[in-house]
Amino acid sequence: MDSQFWRLEQPILSSGAQTYPFAAACHPCFKQQYVPQEARVGVTIHFEGQLRGEEQYVALLQEVEAFAIARDWRFRPIDEAEMVLNRVIDERSVDYIGPVMGIECLPHPKSDRLRFEFDRDLSMQQYCKTQFAGSEAHIEIIELLRKVAPLFVEFDVFDEGEYWELGDRSILQANLDTVDALLAEALRKDPTARGPIRLDNGRVVDFVSDPQPESK
């Protein structure tokens, strides 16, 4: 369904792998009998909040769809009778299990999917990595978040690129460049490292590397 819907012409290397929350991903093409170590350090936008009500939910769907159409982003509705959402509450990992609804879009072939997914209380907690999509995609995502922010009772954003807080394109680009340099150095030091890699769930990991053999 993913390949038919998104129709990405030049996707990041796809893993075709099982995924484990907060752990690792296994790439079957590598044909090893272990799970590669996974790195997630690229610039990411984190956001969460609770909508004011059903009217604001409808308004958000309309706003996101219009924004996506204007920029030729792929998008689709989210409508699941039961789904597990991994949440972090008071620094603890908590699973929500229940109906999930919303909308997701793809701002750039090398970004995470941008998911506005809500539980039964119209609460949302999400993130979107933009490290490999570049500053323009990052700025557009922030623009969309600013548009929908008034629809929430409270809406919190933590932008690792600092554009949400400062609105300074040069600082955003400097943050992206800094991480690019760190990733390049990590790839140079580890001949087994490869990336970026898109997981089956649409998430992008910076690189995976083979575990080092235990010294005897």
Protein backbone atom coordinates (compact mmCIF):
# COMPACT_ATOMS: atom_id res chain seq x y z
CA MET A 1 0.00 0.00 0.00
CA ASP A 2 2.80 2.38 0.86
CA SER A 3 4.58 2.17 -2.49
CA GLN A 4 1.29 2.47 -4.40
CA PHE A 5 0.13 5.47 -2.41
CA TRP A 6 3.29 7.54 -2.11
CA ARG A 7 4.82 6.64 -5.48
CA LEU A 8 8.26 7.89 -4.43
CA GLU A 9 10.47 8.04 -7.50
CA GLN A 10 13.83 8.15 -5.70
CA PRO A 11 13.25 6.95 -2.15
CA ILE A 12 15.87 6.61 0.52
CA LEU A 13 17.05 3.01 0.77
CA SER A 14 14.03 1.10 2.08
CA SER A 15 14.61 -1.49 4.76
CA GLY A 16 11.69 -3.83 4.19
CA ALA A 17 12.27 -4.77 7.80
CA GLN A 18 10.55 -5.36 11.08
CA THR A 19 10.84 -2.42 13.43
CA TYR A 20 11.09 -2.27 17.19
CA PRO A 21 10.16 0.96 19.03
CA PHE A 22 13.20 2.73 20.49
CA ALA A 23 15.41 -0.19 19.45
CA ALA A 24 16.67 -1.30 16.05
CA ALA A 25 15.73 -2.31 12.53
CA CYS A 26 16.88 -5.35 10.59
CA HIS A 27 17.60 -5.06 6.87
CA PRO A 28 16.98 -8.46 5.20
CA CYS A 29 19.23 -7.54 2.27
CA PHE A 30 22.23 -7.56 4.60
CA LYS A 31 21.66 -11.28 5.37
CA GLN A 32 23.19 -11.13 8.83
CA GLN A 33 21.72 -13.00 11.76
CA TYR A 34 21.70 -10.03 14.10
CA VAL A 35 19.97 -6.71 14.35
CA PRO A 36 22.13 -3.73 13.22
CA GLN A 37 22.68 -0.87 15.61
CA GLU A 38 20.64 2.16 14.67
CA ALA A 39 21.43 5.89 14.83
CA ARG A 40 18.77 8.61 15.17
CA VAL A 41 20.42 11.99 15.56
CA GLY A 42 19.21 14.00 12.54
CA VAL A 43 17.40 17.31 13.05
CA THR A 44 13.79 16.59 14.00
CA ILE A 45 10.65 18.59 14.84
CA HIS A 46 8.70 17.32 17.87
CA PHE A 47 5.13 18.49 18.47
CA GLU A 48 2.19 17.63 20.69
CA GLY A 49 -1.13 19.01 21.86
CA GLN A 50 -4.85 18.50 22.32
CA LEU A 51 -7.45 19.93 19.97
CA ARG A 52 -10.23 22.14 21.34
CA GLY A 53 -12.99 19.93 19.92
CA GLU A 54 -14.52 18.16 16.94
CA GLU A 55 -14.98 21.40 15.02
CA GLN A 56 -11.27 22.14 15.32
CA TYR A 57 -10.48 18.57 14.22
CA VAL A 58 -12.41 19.10 10.97
CA ALA A 59 -10.70 22.47 10.50
CA LEU A 60 -7.27 20.86 10.96
CA LEU A 61 -8.00 18.22 8.31
CA GLN A 62 -9.05 20.94 5.89
CA GLU A 63 -6.01 23.09 6.67
CA VAL A 64 -3.50 20.25 6.27
CA GLU A 65 -5.12 18.97 3.07
CA ALA A 66 -5.16 22.45 1.48
CA PHE A 67 -1.54 23.04 2.51
CA ALA A 68 -0.47 19.68 1.06
CA ILE A 69 -2.32 20.19 -2.22
CA ALA A 70 -0.79 23.63 -2.69
CA ARG A 71 2.71 22.12 -2.36
CA ASP A 72 2.05 18.87 -4.21
CA TRP A 73 2.61 16.78 -1.09
CA ARG A 74 1.19 13.27 -1.04
CA PHE A 75 -1.37 12.83 1.74
CA ARG A 76 -3.96 10.38 3.01
CA PRO A 77 -6.45 10.09 5.88
CA ILE A 78 -5.75 8.11 9.03
CA ASP A 79 -8.73 6.11 10.26
CA GLU A 80 -7.94 3.08 12.43
CA ALA A 81 -10.46 1.32 14.66
CA GLU A 82 -7.64 0.21 16.96
CA MET A 83 -3.99 1.15 16.92
CA VAL A 84 -1.06 1.32 19.34
CA LEU A 85 0.54 4.74 19.76
CA ASN A 86 3.80 5.02 21.67
CA ARG A 87 3.63 8.09 23.91
CA VAL A 88 6.01 9.66 26.41
CA ILE A 89 4.23 11.08 29.47
CA ASP A 90 6.15 12.46 32.44
CA GLU A 91 9.32 10.93 30.96
CA ARG A 92 7.70 7.47 30.91
CA SER A 93 6.86 5.40 27.84
CA VAL A 94 3.10 4.78 27.73
CA ASP A 95 1.16 2.90 25.05
CA TYR A 96 -2.24 4.20 23.95
CA ILE A 97 -4.44 1.47 22.46
CA GLY A 98 -7.66 2.50 20.76
CA PRO A 99 -9.14 4.35 17.79
CA VAL A 100 -6.83 6.69 15.89
CA MET A 101 -7.81 9.28 13.28
CA GLY A 102 -6.21 12.13 11.43
CA ILE A 103 -4.17 12.80 8.32
CA GLU A 104 -0.61 12.16 7.17
CA CYS A 105 1.41 13.70 4.37
CA LEU A 106 4.90 13.50 2.94
CA PRO A 107 6.59 16.92 2.75
CA HIS A 108 9.68 15.58 0.99
CA PRO A 109 10.90 12.21 -0.35
CA LYS A 110 13.69 12.24 2.26
CA SER A 111 11.69 13.37 5.30
CA ASP A 112 9.62 11.41 7.78
CA ARG A 113 5.94 11.29 7.05
CA LEU A 114 4.23 14.18 8.80
CA ARG A 115 1.46 12.58 10.84
CA PHE A 116 -1.36 14.37 12.62
CA GLU A 117 -2.78 11.35 14.44
CA PHE A 118 -5.24 11.75 17.29
CA ASP A 119 -6.51 9.46 20.01
CA ARG A 120 -10.07 9.38 21.32
CA ASP A 121 -9.38 12.53 23.38
CA LEU A 122 -8.12 14.42 20.30
CA SER A 123 -4.60 14.40 21.72
CA MET A 124 -1.51 14.08 19.54
CA GLN A 125 2.21 13.48 20.13
CA GLN A 126 4.42 13.22 17.08
CA TYR A 127 7.74 14.09 15.43
CA CYS A 128 9.09 14.55 11.91
CA LYS A 129 12.75 14.24 10.91
CA THR A 130 13.87 16.72 8.24
CA GLN A 131 17.64 16.25 8.31
CA PHE A 132 17.85 14.81 4.80
CA ALA A 133 15.01 16.87 3.33
CA GLY A 134 16.75 20.22 3.75
CA SER A 135 15.88 23.60 5.17
CA GLU A 136 13.04 24.44 2.77
CA ALA A 137 10.99 21.38 3.73
CA HIS A 138 11.72 22.07 7.40
CA ILE A 139 10.48 25.64 7.09
CA GLU A 140 7.30 24.56 5.30
CA ILE A 141 6.50 22.08 8.08
CA ILE A 142 6.96 24.80 10.69
CA GLU A 143 4.69 27.07 8.64
CA LEU A 144 1.98 24.40 8.69
CA LEU A 145 2.36 23.85 12.43
CA ARG A 146 1.91 27.59 13.01
CA LYS A 147 -1.28 27.52 10.94
CA VAL A 148 -2.88 24.74 12.98
CA ALA A 149 -1.56 25.80 16.41
CA PRO A 150 -4.62 28.01 17.25
CA LEU A 151 -6.87 24.93 16.93
CA PHE A 152 -5.33 23.39 20.05
CA VAL A 153 -6.01 23.99 23.73
CA GLU A 154 -2.25 23.81 24.13
CA PHE A 155 0.36 23.11 21.51
CA ASP A 156 4.04 22.48 22.20
CA VAL A 157 6.80 22.34 19.63
CA PHE A 158 10.44 21.50 20.16
CA ASP A 159 12.41 22.18 16.98
CA GLU A 160 15.95 20.79 16.96
CA GLY A 161 16.67 23.13 14.06
CA GLU A 162 15.53 26.10 16.21
CA TYR A 163 13.44 27.60 13.41
CA TRP A 164 10.18 27.41 15.40
CA GLU A 165 11.76 29.42 18.20
CA LEU A 166 13.98 31.84 16.24
CA GLY A 167 12.68 31.96 12.67
CA ASP A 168 16.27 32.29 11.47
CA ARG A 169 17.01 30.34 8.28
CA SER A 170 20.79 30.65 8.73
CA ILE A 171 20.67 29.08 12.20
CA LEU A 172 18.49 26.25 10.88
CA GLN A 173 20.94 25.60 8.06
CA ALA A 174 23.88 25.69 10.46
CA ASN A 175 22.19 23.05 12.63
CA LEU A 176 21.55 20.84 9.59
CA ASP A 177 25.14 21.29 8.42
CA THR A 178 26.52 20.43 11.87
CA VAL A 179 24.61 17.15 11.96
CA ASP A 180 25.57 16.39 8.35
CA ALA A 181 29.23 16.71 9.36
CA LEU A 182 28.75 14.47 12.40
CA LEU A 183 27.01 11.81 10.31
CA ALA A 184 29.68 11.96 7.61
CA GLU A 185 32.36 11.44 10.25
CA ALA A 186 30.46 8.52 11.79
CA LEU A 187 30.07 6.88 8.38
CA ARG A 188 33.75 7.44 7.64
CA LYS A 189 34.85 5.81 10.90
CA ASP A 190 32.58 2.77 10.57
CA PRO A 191 32.92 0.82 7.29
CA THR A 192 29.79 -1.20 8.13
CA ALA A 193 27.61 1.91 8.49
CA ARG A 194 25.07 2.74 5.77
CA GLY A 195 22.29 5.26 5.51
CA PRO A 196 20.05 7.11 5.59
CA ILE A 197 17.48 4.31 5.59
CA ARG A 198 13.70 4.54 5.44
CA LEU A 199 11.95 1.96 7.59
CA ASP A 200 8.69 0.28 6.59
CA ASN A 201 6.82 2.50 9.05
CA GLY A 202 7.95 5.58 7.10
CA ARG A 203 10.53 6.71 9.63
CA VAL A 204 14.00 7.70 8.50
CA VAL A 205 17.04 6.58 10.48
CA ASP A 206 20.38 8.28 9.91
CA PHE A 207 22.34 5.07 9.48
CA VAL A 208 22.64 1.52 10.74
CA SER A 209 25.88 -0.26 11.50
CA ASP A 210 26.85 -3.80 12.32
CA PRO A 211 27.52 -4.63 15.98
CA GLN A 212 31.17 -5.03 16.74
CA PRO A 213 32.24 -8.63 17.49
CA GLU A 214 32.88 -9.33 21.14
CA SER A 215 36.55 -9.45 21.99
CA LYS A 216 37.71 -12.76 23.38
